[in-house]
Amino acid sequence: MIRNALARTLGRGRWAEALAERHLLARDMHLLARNYRFRGGEIDLIMEHAGVIVFVEVRYRGNAAFGTAAESVDRHKQQRLLRTAELYLQTHARERADAACRFDVIAITGNGQTADIEWIRDAFQA
């Protein structure tokens, strides 16, 4: 039972990330990395747009009964994203030395048939 629930959850997460990626690519953003992991943190998508590196957190909720997808990016999650982004920039310093950065959230609510996508640009500051 738990294994099936986990498989469904992972499937929805991948679906949400793919949906977010398509959404951003259609808006002239370029993919730099997907599911970047480093020292206990993960960034779902790292994109580039007009010389700005955009760290994207994708959040999915089937419905908003227990809070919205955007609300789930709390201070603790923001700190983990900031640390992971810092490490990404350190390991890619040569090619990204003077690029501006921002943190966006893609909040998806719905199911596989219908979904509302909310793109929160510059969702929080470093």
N, C-alpha and C. Protein backbone atom coordinates (compact mmCIF):
# COMPACT_ATOMS: atom_id res chain seq x y z
N MET A 1 0.82 -1.19 0.00
CA MET A 1 0.00 0.00 0.00
C MET A 1 0.87 1.26 0.00
N ILE A 2 1.83 1.34 0.90
CA ILE A 2 2.70 2.52 0.96
C ILE A 2 3.52 2.64 -0.32
N ARG A 3 4.00 1.53 -0.84
CA ARG A 3 4.80 1.56 -2.06
C ARG A 3 3.99 2.14 -3.22
N ASN A 4 2.71 1.75 -3.36
CA ASN A 4 1.86 2.28 -4.41
C ASN A 4 1.64 3.78 -4.25
N ALA A 5 1.42 4.24 -3.03
CA ALA A 5 1.23 5.66 -2.77
C ALA A 5 2.49 6.44 -3.12
N LEU A 6 3.64 5.90 -2.77
CA LEU A 6 4.91 6.55 -3.08
C LEU A 6 5.12 6.63 -4.59
N ALA A 7 4.83 5.56 -5.29
CA ALA A 7 4.99 5.55 -6.75
C ALA A 7 4.08 6.59 -7.39
N ARG A 8 2.84 6.71 -6.89
CA ARG A 8 1.93 7.72 -7.43
C ARG A 8 2.45 9.12 -7.15
N THR A 9 2.97 9.33 -5.94
CA THR A 9 3.51 10.64 -5.56
C THR A 9 4.70 11.00 -6.43
N LEU A 10 5.63 10.06 -6.59
CA LEU A 10 6.79 10.34 -7.43
C LEU A 10 6.37 10.61 -8.86
N GLY A 11 5.39 9.87 -9.35
CA GLY A 11 4.89 10.09 -10.69
C GLY A 11 4.31 11.47 -10.85
N ARG A 12 3.55 11.93 -9.88
CA ARG A 12 2.96 13.27 -9.93
C ARG A 12 4.04 14.34 -9.86
N GLY A 13 5.03 14.11 -9.04
CA GLY A 13 6.14 15.07 -8.94
C GLY A 13 6.87 15.22 -10.26
N ARG A 14 7.16 14.13 -10.89
CA ARG A 14 7.84 14.18 -12.20
C ARG A 14 6.95 14.84 -13.24
N TRP A 15 5.65 14.51 -13.19
CA TRP A 15 4.70 15.13 -14.10
C TRP A 15 4.68 16.65 -13.90
N ALA A 16 4.64 17.11 -12.65
CA ALA A 16 4.61 18.53 -12.35
C ALA A 16 5.88 19.22 -12.82
N GLU A 17 7.02 18.60 -12.60
CA GLU A 17 8.29 19.19 -13.04
C GLU A 17 8.35 19.29 -14.56
N ALA A 18 7.88 18.26 -15.25
CA ALA A 18 7.87 18.29 -16.72
C ALA A 18 6.92 19.38 -17.22
N LEU A 19 5.78 19.52 -16.57
CA LEU A 19 4.82 20.56 -16.94
C LEU A 19 5.42 21.95 -16.73
N ALA A 20 6.08 22.14 -15.60
CA ALA A 20 6.73 23.42 -15.31
C ALA A 20 7.83 23.72 -16.32
N GLU A 21 8.63 22.71 -16.64
CA GLU A 21 9.71 22.89 -17.61
C GLU A 21 9.15 23.32 -18.97
N ARG A 22 8.12 22.63 -19.44
CA ARG A 22 7.50 23.01 -20.72
C ARG A 22 6.96 24.44 -20.67
N HIS A 23 6.35 24.78 -19.55
CA HIS A 23 5.79 26.12 -19.37
C HIS A 23 6.89 27.18 -19.50
N LEU A 24 8.02 26.95 -18.88
CA LEU A 24 9.12 27.91 -18.90
C LEU A 24 9.83 27.94 -20.26
N LEU A 25 10.02 26.78 -20.85
CA LEU A 25 10.66 26.74 -22.17
C LEU A 25 9.83 27.48 -23.21
N ALA A 26 8.52 27.42 -23.09
CA ALA A 26 7.64 28.13 -24.01
C ALA A 26 7.72 29.64 -23.82
N ARG A 27 8.35 30.08 -22.74
CA ARG A 27 8.50 31.50 -22.46
C ARG A 27 9.96 31.94 -22.62
N ASP A 28 10.63 31.29 -23.56
CA ASP A 28 12.01 31.64 -23.96
C ASP A 28 13.06 31.48 -22.87
N MET A 29 12.82 30.59 -21.92
CA MET A 29 13.85 30.27 -20.94
C MET A 29 14.61 29.05 -21.44
N HIS A 30 15.85 28.92 -21.01
CA HIS A 30 16.71 27.82 -21.46
C HIS A 30 17.10 26.97 -20.25
N LEU A 31 16.99 25.67 -20.41
CA LEU A 31 17.31 24.74 -19.33
C LEU A 31 18.81 24.60 -19.16
N LEU A 32 19.29 24.78 -17.93
CA LEU A 32 20.69 24.56 -17.60
C LEU A 32 20.87 23.24 -16.85
N ALA A 33 19.93 22.93 -15.96
CA ALA A 33 20.03 21.69 -15.17
C ALA A 33 18.64 21.31 -14.67
N ARG A 34 18.48 20.02 -14.47
CA ARG A 34 17.23 19.45 -13.96
C ARG A 34 17.57 18.62 -12.73
N ASN A 35 16.84 18.79 -11.65
CA ASN A 35 17.04 18.03 -10.41
C ASN A 35 18.50 18.08 -9.93
N TYR A 36 19.01 19.28 -9.78
CA TYR A 36 20.39 19.49 -9.32
C TYR A 36 20.45 19.22 -7.82
N ARG A 37 21.25 18.23 -7.44
CA ARG A 37 21.38 17.83 -6.04
C ARG A 37 22.81 18.09 -5.56
N PHE A 38 22.88 18.57 -4.33
CA PHE A 38 24.19 18.81 -3.75
C PHE A 38 24.03 18.98 -2.24
N ARG A 39 24.73 18.19 -1.47
CA ARG A 39 24.80 18.28 -0.01
C ARG A 39 23.45 18.51 0.67
N GLY A 40 22.54 17.61 0.45
CA GLY A 40 21.28 17.67 1.17
C GLY A 40 20.23 18.59 0.60
N GLY A 41 20.49 19.17 -0.54
CA GLY A 41 19.49 20.05 -1.15
C GLY A 41 19.27 19.68 -2.60
N GLU A 42 18.17 20.15 -3.13
CA GLU A 42 17.86 19.90 -4.54
C GLU A 42 17.14 21.10 -5.12
N ILE A 43 17.48 21.44 -6.34
CA ILE A 43 16.78 22.47 -7.09
C ILE A 43 16.16 21.77 -8.29
N ASP A 44 14.85 21.92 -8.43
CA ASP A 44 14.12 21.19 -9.46
C ASP A 44 14.58 21.57 -10.87
N LEU A 45 14.63 22.86 -11.15
CA LEU A 45 15.05 23.33 -12.48
C LEU A 45 15.98 24.52 -12.31
N ILE A 46 17.03 24.54 -13.11
CA ILE A 46 17.87 25.73 -13.19
C ILE A 46 17.79 26.18 -14.64
N MET A 47 17.29 27.40 -14.81
CA MET A 47 17.03 27.94 -16.13
C MET A 47 17.86 29.20 -16.32
N GLU A 48 17.91 29.65 -17.57
CA GLU A 48 18.56 30.91 -17.90
C GLU A 48 17.59 31.71 -18.75
N HIS A 49 17.48 32.99 -18.44
CA HIS A 49 16.63 33.87 -19.23
C HIS A 49 17.28 35.25 -19.30
N ALA A 50 17.64 35.66 -20.50
CA ALA A 50 18.23 36.98 -20.73
C ALA A 50 19.42 37.25 -19.81
N GLY A 51 20.28 36.28 -19.64
CA GLY A 51 21.48 36.44 -18.83
C GLY A 51 21.28 36.24 -17.34
N VAL A 52 20.07 35.94 -16.90
CA VAL A 52 19.77 35.72 -15.49
C VAL A 52 19.63 34.23 -15.23
N ILE A 53 20.31 33.75 -14.20
CA ILE A 53 20.14 32.35 -13.79
C ILE A 53 18.92 32.29 -12.88
N VAL A 54 17.99 31.39 -13.22
CA VAL A 54 16.75 31.29 -12.48
C VAL A 54 16.68 29.92 -11.82
N PHE A 55 16.66 29.90 -10.50
CA PHE A 55 16.52 28.67 -9.73
C PHE A 55 15.03 28.48 -9.48
N VAL A 56 14.49 27.35 -9.94
CA VAL A 56 13.05 27.14 -9.92
C VAL A 56 12.69 25.99 -9.00
N GLU A 57 11.80 26.28 -8.05
CA GLU A 57 11.23 25.25 -7.19
C GLU A 57 9.83 24.96 -7.72
N VAL A 58 9.56 23.69 -8.01
CA VAL A 58 8.26 23.28 -8.50
C VAL A 58 7.51 22.62 -7.35
N ARG A 59 6.31 23.11 -7.06
CA ARG A 59 5.49 22.55 -6.00
C ARG A 59 4.16 22.14 -6.57
N TYR A 60 3.69 20.97 -6.15
CA TYR A 60 2.44 20.42 -6.66
C TYR A 60 1.50 20.10 -5.51
N ARG A 61 0.24 20.42 -5.70
CA ARG A 61 -0.82 20.02 -4.78
C ARG A 61 -2.01 19.57 -5.62
N GLY A 62 -2.61 18.47 -5.24
CA GLY A 62 -3.80 17.99 -5.93
C GLY A 62 -4.96 18.95 -5.72
N ASN A 63 -5.01 19.55 -4.53
CA ASN A 63 -5.98 20.60 -4.22
C ASN A 63 -5.41 21.43 -3.08
N ALA A 64 -6.07 22.52 -2.77
CA ALA A 64 -5.55 23.44 -1.77
C ALA A 64 -6.17 23.24 -0.39
N ALA A 65 -6.74 22.07 -0.14
CA ALA A 65 -7.39 21.82 1.14
C ALA A 65 -6.45 21.97 2.34
N PHE A 66 -5.18 21.64 2.16
CA PHE A 66 -4.21 21.73 3.26
C PHE A 66 -3.17 22.80 2.99
N GLY A 67 -3.51 23.80 2.22
CA GLY A 67 -2.59 24.88 1.87
C GLY A 67 -2.23 24.81 0.40
N THR A 68 -1.86 25.94 -0.14
CA THR A 68 -1.52 25.99 -1.56
C THR A 68 -0.11 25.47 -1.80
N ALA A 69 0.15 25.18 -3.05
CA ALA A 69 1.49 24.71 -3.42
C ALA A 69 2.53 25.79 -3.11
N ALA A 70 2.21 27.04 -3.40
CA ALA A 70 3.15 28.13 -3.14
C ALA A 70 3.45 28.29 -1.66
N GLU A 71 2.44 28.10 -0.81
CA GLU A 71 2.63 28.24 0.63
C GLU A 71 3.57 27.18 1.21
N SER A 72 3.75 26.10 0.49
CA SER A 72 4.60 25.03 0.99
C SER A 72 6.09 25.35 0.86
N VAL A 73 6.43 26.44 0.21
CA VAL A 73 7.83 26.86 0.13
C VAL A 73 8.09 27.78 1.32
N ASP A 74 8.28 27.14 2.47
CA ASP A 74 8.46 27.88 3.71
C ASP A 74 9.92 28.33 3.87
N ARG A 75 10.20 29.01 4.96
CA ARG A 75 11.53 29.57 5.21
C ARG A 75 12.61 28.48 5.22
N HIS A 76 12.30 27.33 5.81
CA HIS A 76 13.26 26.22 5.84
C HIS A 76 13.59 25.77 4.42
N LYS A 77 12.58 25.60 3.58
CA LYS A 77 12.79 25.18 2.19
C LYS A 77 13.58 26.25 1.45
N GLN A 78 13.28 27.51 1.68
CA GLN A 78 14.00 28.59 1.04
C GLN A 78 15.49 28.55 1.39
N GLN A 79 15.80 28.29 2.66
CA GLN A 79 17.20 28.23 3.10
C GLN A 79 17.94 27.08 2.41
N ARG A 80 17.28 25.94 2.27
CA ARG A 80 17.90 24.80 1.58
C ARG A 80 18.14 25.14 0.11
N LEU A 81 17.20 25.82 -0.52
CA LEU A 81 17.36 26.24 -1.92
C LEU A 81 18.51 27.23 -2.06
N LEU A 82 18.60 28.16 -1.14
CA LEU A 82 19.68 29.15 -1.17
C LEU A 82 21.05 28.49 -1.06
N ARG A 83 21.18 27.54 -0.12
CA ARG A 83 22.47 26.85 0.04
C ARG A 83 22.83 26.05 -1.20
N THR A 84 21.86 25.36 -1.77
CA THR A 84 22.13 24.56 -2.96
C THR A 84 22.47 25.45 -4.15
N ALA A 85 21.79 26.57 -4.29
CA ALA A 85 22.09 27.51 -5.37
C ALA A 85 23.50 28.08 -5.22
N GLU A 86 23.87 28.38 -4.00
CA GLU A 86 25.22 28.88 -3.72
C GLU A 86 26.28 27.87 -4.17
N LEU A 87 26.04 26.61 -3.85
CA LEU A 87 26.98 25.56 -4.25
C LEU A 87 26.99 25.38 -5.76
N TYR A 88 25.84 25.48 -6.41
CA TYR A 88 25.79 25.42 -7.86
C TYR A 88 26.64 26.53 -8.47
N LEU A 89 26.48 27.74 -7.96
CA LEU A 89 27.23 28.87 -8.50
C LEU A 89 28.73 28.71 -8.26
N GLN A 90 29.11 28.16 -7.11
CA GLN A 90 30.53 27.93 -6.83
C GLN A 90 31.13 26.91 -7.79
N THR A 91 30.38 25.86 -8.10
CA THR A 91 30.91 24.81 -8.97
C THR A 91 30.82 25.18 -10.45
N HIS A 92 30.08 26.22 -10.77
CA HIS A 92 29.95 26.68 -12.16
C HIS A 92 30.42 28.13 -12.30
N ALA A 93 31.34 28.52 -11.44
CA ALA A 93 31.78 29.91 -11.37
C ALA A 93 32.37 30.42 -12.67
N ARG A 94 33.10 29.58 -13.36
CA ARG A 94 33.78 30.03 -14.56
C ARG A 94 32.80 30.53 -15.62
N GLU A 95 31.75 29.75 -15.88
CA GLU A 95 30.82 30.13 -16.94
C GLU A 95 29.69 31.04 -16.47
N ARG A 96 29.53 31.21 -15.16
CA ARG A 96 28.40 31.99 -14.63
C ARG A 96 28.86 33.09 -13.65
N ALA A 97 30.09 33.52 -13.77
CA ALA A 97 30.69 34.39 -12.76
C ALA A 97 29.92 35.67 -12.49
N ASP A 98 29.44 36.34 -13.51
CA ASP A 98 28.81 37.64 -13.27
C ASP A 98 27.32 37.65 -13.62
N ALA A 99 26.70 36.50 -13.62
CA ALA A 99 25.27 36.44 -13.94
C ALA A 99 24.43 36.82 -12.72
N ALA A 100 23.35 37.54 -12.98
CA ALA A 100 22.38 37.82 -11.93
C ALA A 100 21.57 36.54 -11.67
N CYS A 101 20.98 36.44 -10.49
CA CYS A 101 20.21 35.24 -10.13
C CYS A 101 18.87 35.64 -9.52
N ARG A 102 17.92 34.72 -9.62
CA ARG A 102 16.66 34.90 -8.92
C ARG A 102 16.07 33.53 -8.60
N PHE A 103 15.10 33.54 -7.68
CA PHE A 103 14.43 32.31 -7.26
C PHE A 103 12.96 32.42 -7.62
N ASP A 104 12.50 31.50 -8.45
CA ASP A 104 11.10 31.46 -8.87
C ASP A 104 10.44 30.21 -8.29
N VAL A 105 9.14 30.27 -8.15
CA VAL A 105 8.35 29.11 -7.74
C VAL A 105 7.28 28.89 -8.80
N ILE A 106 7.17 27.64 -9.24
CA ILE A 106 6.06 27.23 -10.09
C ILE A 106 5.15 26.40 -9.19
N ALA A 107 3.95 26.92 -8.94
CA ALA A 107 2.98 26.25 -8.08
C ALA A 107 1.89 25.66 -8.96
N ILE A 108 1.74 24.34 -8.91
CA ILE A 108 0.77 23.64 -9.74
C ILE A 108 -0.29 23.02 -8.84
N THR A 109 -1.54 23.30 -9.16
CA THR A 109 -2.66 22.72 -8.43
C THR A 109 -3.57 22.04 -9.44
N GLY A 110 -3.94 20.81 -9.17
CA GLY A 110 -4.84 20.08 -10.06
C GLY A 110 -4.43 18.64 -10.19
N ASN A 111 -4.85 18.04 -11.30
CA ASN A 111 -4.51 16.64 -11.55
C ASN A 111 -3.97 16.48 -12.96
N GLY A 112 -3.81 15.26 -13.40
CA GLY A 112 -3.25 14.99 -14.72
C GLY A 112 -4.07 15.52 -15.87
N GLN A 113 -5.36 15.75 -15.66
CA GLN A 113 -6.21 16.23 -16.74
C GLN A 113 -6.29 17.75 -16.78
N THR A 114 -6.39 18.38 -15.63
CA THR A 114 -6.42 19.84 -15.57
C THR A 114 -5.46 20.31 -14.49
N ALA A 115 -4.83 21.42 -14.74
CA ALA A 115 -3.90 21.96 -13.76
C ALA A 115 -3.82 23.47 -13.91
N ASP A 116 -3.75 24.14 -12.77
CA ASP A 116 -3.51 25.58 -12.75
C ASP A 116 -2.04 25.78 -12.44
N ILE A 117 -1.40 26.60 -13.25
CA ILE A 117 0.02 26.89 -13.06
C ILE A 117 0.16 28.35 -12.63
N GLU A 118 0.78 28.54 -11.49
CA GLU A 118 1.08 29.89 -11.01
C GLU A 118 2.60 30.04 -11.01
N TRP A 119 3.10 31.01 -11.77
CA TRP A 119 4.53 31.26 -11.87
C TRP A 119 4.83 32.49 -11.02
N ILE A 120 5.54 32.29 -9.93
CA ILE A 120 5.89 33.39 -9.03
C ILE A 120 7.35 33.74 -9.30
N ARG A 121 7.55 34.81 -10.03
CA ARG A 121 8.90 35.27 -10.35
C ARG A 121 9.48 35.98 -9.13
N ASP A 122 10.77 35.76 -8.90
CA ASP A 122 11.46 36.40 -7.79
C ASP A 122 10.68 36.18 -6.49
N ALA A 123 10.36 34.93 -6.22
CA ALA A 123 9.50 34.54 -5.10
C ALA A 123 10.08 34.89 -3.73
N PHE A 124 11.41 34.86 -3.61
CA PHE A 124 12.06 35.23 -2.37
C PHE A 124 13.48 35.68 -2.68
N GLN A 125 14.08 36.39 -1.74
CA GLN A 125 15.40 36.97 -1.92
C GLN A 125 16.45 36.20 -1.12
N ALA A 126 17.66 36.25 -1.61
CA ALA A 126 18.78 35.64 -0.90
C ALA A 126 19.13 36.43 0.33
